[in-house]
Protein backbone atom coordinates (compact mmCIF):
# COMPACT_ATOMS: atom_id res chain seq x y z
CA MET A 1 149.52 0.11 71.45
CA THR A 2 153.06 -1.00 71.72
CA GLY A 3 155.61 1.18 73.71
CA ALA A 4 157.36 2.11 69.83
CA SER A 5 153.55 3.46 69.26
CA TYR A 6 153.91 5.96 72.49
CA LEU A 7 156.79 7.04 71.33
CA LEU A 8 155.67 7.85 68.06
CA PHE A 9 152.88 9.16 69.20
CA GLY A 10 154.74 11.24 72.18
CA LEU A 11 157.74 12.15 69.48
CA LEU A 12 154.65 13.71 67.06
CA ALA A 13 153.05 15.81 69.74
CA LEU A 14 156.01 17.25 70.64
CA ALA A 15 156.76 18.23 66.95
CA THR A 16 153.84 20.10 66.32
CA ALA A 17 154.22 22.03 69.77
CA TYR A 18 157.56 23.12 68.34
CA VAL A 19 156.03 24.08 65.04
CA ILE A 20 153.01 26.04 66.98
CA TYR A 21 155.46 27.77 69.07
CA ARG A 22 157.92 29.16 66.36
CA ILE A 23 155.05 30.18 63.83
CA LEU A 24 152.74 31.32 65.81
CA PRO A 25 154.19 34.41 66.86
CA ILE A 26 154.87 35.09 62.83
CA LEU A 27 151.27 34.53 61.94
CA ARG A 28 150.87 38.41 63.56
CA PHE A 29 152.67 39.57 60.57
CA ARG A 30 150.11 38.55 58.06
CA GLY A 31 147.81 40.30 55.79
CA THR A 32 148.27 43.78 54.15
CA MET A 33 149.55 46.37 56.51
CA LEU A 34 149.83 50.42 55.79
CA VAL A 35 153.21 51.97 56.73
CA THR A 36 154.76 55.35 56.73
CA CYS A 37 157.38 54.95 54.33
CA PRO A 38 160.33 56.87 55.75
CA GLU A 39 161.73 58.04 52.42
CA ASN A 40 158.95 60.32 51.26
CA ARG A 41 156.37 60.21 54.32
CA LYS A 42 153.85 58.81 52.47
CA PRO A 43 151.41 55.68 52.98
CA ALA A 44 152.99 52.67 51.57
CA ALA A 45 150.92 49.26 51.34
CA VAL A 46 153.23 46.29 52.64
CA LYS A 47 153.09 42.67 53.05
CA ILE A 48 155.46 40.41 55.20
CA ALA A 49 157.40 37.62 53.67
CA VAL A 50 155.29 34.98 56.34
CA GLY A 51 156.40 31.98 54.50
CA ARG A 52 159.98 32.50 54.41
CA ALA A 53 160.01 34.18 58.44
CA ALA A 54 158.16 31.06 59.52
CA ALA A 55 160.31 28.93 57.64
CA GLU A 56 163.61 30.93 59.35
CA SER A 57 161.72 30.49 62.47
CA LEU A 58 161.74 27.07 62.76
CA VAL A 59 165.44 26.77 62.52
CA GLY A 60 165.73 28.99 65.23
CA ARG A 61 166.57 32.39 63.45
CA PRO A 62 163.41 34.38 63.20
CA HIS A 63 164.00 37.26 60.50
CA VAL A 64 161.48 39.49 59.42
CA GLU A 65 161.44 41.10 55.90
CA LEU A 66 159.02 42.48 53.31
CA GLY A 67 157.60 40.26 50.33
CA ASP A 68 155.75 43.21 48.71
CA CYS A 69 155.85 47.04 48.82
CA SER A 70 153.12 48.89 46.72
CA ARG A 71 156.38 51.13 46.02
CA TRP A 72 157.96 48.18 44.34
CA PRO A 73 159.33 47.38 41.76
CA GLU A 74 161.02 50.91 41.41
CA ARG A 75 161.77 51.02 45.17
CA ARG A 76 162.88 47.67 45.61
CA ASP A 77 166.26 47.93 47.00
CA CYS A 78 165.26 50.06 49.79
CA GLY A 79 166.65 49.84 53.13
CA GLN A 80 163.04 48.65 54.65
CA ASP A 81 163.30 50.87 57.62
CA CYS A 82 159.61 50.61 57.83
CA LEU A 83 159.47 47.52 59.37
CA CYS A 84 160.80 48.65 63.06
CA GLU A 85 156.68 50.53 62.61
CA ILE A 86 155.74 47.22 61.63
CA GLU A 87 157.43 44.86 64.48
CA ALA A 88 156.12 47.50 67.02
CA ASP A 89 152.41 46.87 66.53
CA PRO A 90 151.99 44.55 63.58
CA VAL A 91 148.20 44.16 64.01
CA GLY A 92 147.53 47.80 64.58
CA HIS A 93 149.11 48.13 61.12
CA ARG A 94 147.30 45.81 59.05
CA VAL A 95 144.44 47.33 56.83
CA TRP A 96 141.48 46.18 58.41
CA SER A 97 142.62 47.17 61.96
CA VAL A 98 143.46 50.97 60.22
CA ALA A 99 139.18 50.40 58.85
CA THR A 100 137.87 49.32 61.50
CA ARG A 101 139.51 51.86 63.77
CA TRP A 102 137.86 54.87 61.52
CA TYR A 103 134.70 53.18 61.63
CA GLU A 104 134.22 52.74 65.09
CA GLY A 105 131.35 54.78 66.64
CA LYS A 106 130.40 56.43 63.22
CA GLU A 107 127.08 56.67 61.25
CA CYS A 108 126.11 56.49 57.36
CA VAL A 109 125.78 59.78 55.95
CA TYR A 110 122.44 58.87 54.87
CA CYS A 111 120.14 56.99 56.88
CA HIS A 112 122.46 58.07 60.36
CA LYS A 113 122.28 54.57 61.54
CA PRO A 114 124.94 53.33 63.69
CA ILE A 115 127.73 51.77 61.32
CA GLU A 116 127.82 47.94 62.42
CA PRO A 117 131.15 46.67 63.47
CA LEU A 118 133.52 45.21 60.42
CA SER A 119 133.10 41.82 59.62
CA HIS A 120 134.87 39.21 57.08
CA LEU A 121 131.39 37.65 56.78
CA ASP A 122 129.05 40.23 57.06
CA GLN A 123 128.31 42.91 54.30
CA ARG A 124 130.87 45.71 54.53
CA PRO A 125 130.09 49.66 54.84
CA ALA A 126 131.41 51.89 51.97
CA LEU A 127 132.67 55.50 52.01
CA VAL A 128 131.05 58.61 50.08
CA ASP A 129 133.37 61.68 48.59
CA ALA A 130 132.90 64.84 47.38
CA GLU A 131 131.27 64.38 44.55
CA ARG A 132 129.19 61.60 46.36
CA LYS A 133 130.38 58.97 44.88
CA THR A 134 130.14 55.74 47.20
CA VAL A 135 132.65 52.78 46.93
CA GLU A 136 133.55 50.00 48.99
CA TRP A 137 136.91 50.92 51.39
CA ASP A 138 137.97 47.35 50.62
CA ASP A 139 138.11 48.36 47.10
CA LEU A 140 140.56 51.11 47.15
CA PRO A 141 144.38 50.69 46.48
CA PRO A 142 145.25 49.70 50.35
CA GLU A 143 147.96 52.71 50.10
CA LYS A 144 145.26 55.11 49.11
CA LEU A 145 143.12 54.11 52.48
CA PRO A 146 144.58 56.41 54.47
CA GLU A 147 143.40 59.78 51.98
CA ALA A 148 140.15 57.82 51.21
CA LEU A 149 139.32 58.10 54.88
CA ALA A 150 140.58 61.65 55.70
CA GLY A 151 138.38 63.17 52.38
CA CYS A 152 135.08 60.60 52.72
CA LEU A 153 132.13 60.12 54.89
CA PRO A 154 131.13 56.67 56.20
CA VAL A 155 127.79 55.01 54.29
CA CYS A 156 126.22 51.71 55.64
CA TRP A 157 125.93 48.95 52.90
CA ASN A 158 122.38 49.42 52.47
CA CYS A 159 122.44 53.05 51.73
CA HIS A 160 125.89 52.21 49.54
CA VAL A 161 124.22 49.67 46.83
CA ALA A 162 121.25 52.01 46.73
CA GLU A 163 123.48 55.18 45.99
CA THR A 164 125.25 52.80 43.64
CA LEU A 165 121.88 51.89 41.57
CA ILE A 166 120.69 55.76 41.82
CA ARG A 167 123.76 56.67 39.79
CA GLU A 168 124.39 53.51 37.62
CA HIS A 169 120.30 53.02 36.70
CA PRO A 170 118.65 56.86 37.36
CA ASP A 171 115.88 55.46 35.29
CA LEU A 172 114.70 52.73 37.10
CA VAL A 173 114.45 54.93 40.53
CA THR A 174 111.76 56.55 41.80
CA PHE A 175 112.30 59.28 44.69
CA ARG A 176 109.74 59.33 47.35
CA LYS A 177 109.57 61.18 50.75
CA TRP A 178 108.50 58.52 53.57
CA GLU A 179 107.40 58.84 56.95
CA ARG A 180 106.07 56.54 59.87
CA SER A 181 102.08 57.12 59.10
CA GLY A 182 101.21 53.66 58.86
CA PRO A 183 98.89 51.89 61.47
CA ILE A 184 101.67 49.86 62.77
CA GLY A 185 103.96 52.84 62.80
CA GLU A 186 105.55 51.61 58.96
CA TYR A 187 107.15 53.65 56.28
CA THR A 188 104.35 55.07 54.02
CA PRO A 189 105.11 57.35 51.08
CA LYS A 190 104.31 61.39 52.13
CA ASN A 191 103.69 62.70 48.65
CA LEU A 192 103.43 60.61 45.77
CA HIS A 193 103.42 63.43 43.23
CA GLU A 194 106.22 65.38 45.17
CA LYS A 195 110.09 64.50 44.40
CA SER A 196 113.51 64.70 46.66
CA THR A 197 116.53 64.04 46.11
CA THR A 198 118.92 62.48 48.18
CA SER A 199 121.63 64.84 47.68
CA LYS A 200 120.24 66.81 50.30
CA LEU A 201 121.58 64.40 53.03
CA LEU A 202 124.57 65.21 52.48
CA ASN A 203 123.78 68.70 52.88
């Protein structure tokens, strides 16, 4: 390798390090975030214009602004005063972080098993409302999530699937009481002729 090649390699390494140094802090602002709108004091889902902020950061002029908001386009000309909330704690305002904190330490209202920590790879927990309808939390509009968390109960993925099947295809479901009475402690039917409903689990 010639001296010119070493110089080129060094310059590329420096350029790469500079780009990482300038852009890495901006990546904290990626993803959908929840804020309290300063205008109506209600939850709003916003996204930072990360690409624009990264480009400006490369030339030494870091600037954070909204790229999208659940109150747009009606309130697109707002002063974006909610940015101070995000800049103070960008990770804590992510929708994923809000859901993670809420599920932490909770158990499924049906099977009473602890809710597993949220993961982008695993099956995700759900919510059950007062009408006993379950829904995955990330299927809700982000700005509706705080209200849903305040009025719903946690449900694990397995029970969510079961309850969805019962609700949508009741003709395919047989209700039975089960107990650990098998020779190796497995669950076996307690009474094949006595029906029970899952609604009792919520009482």
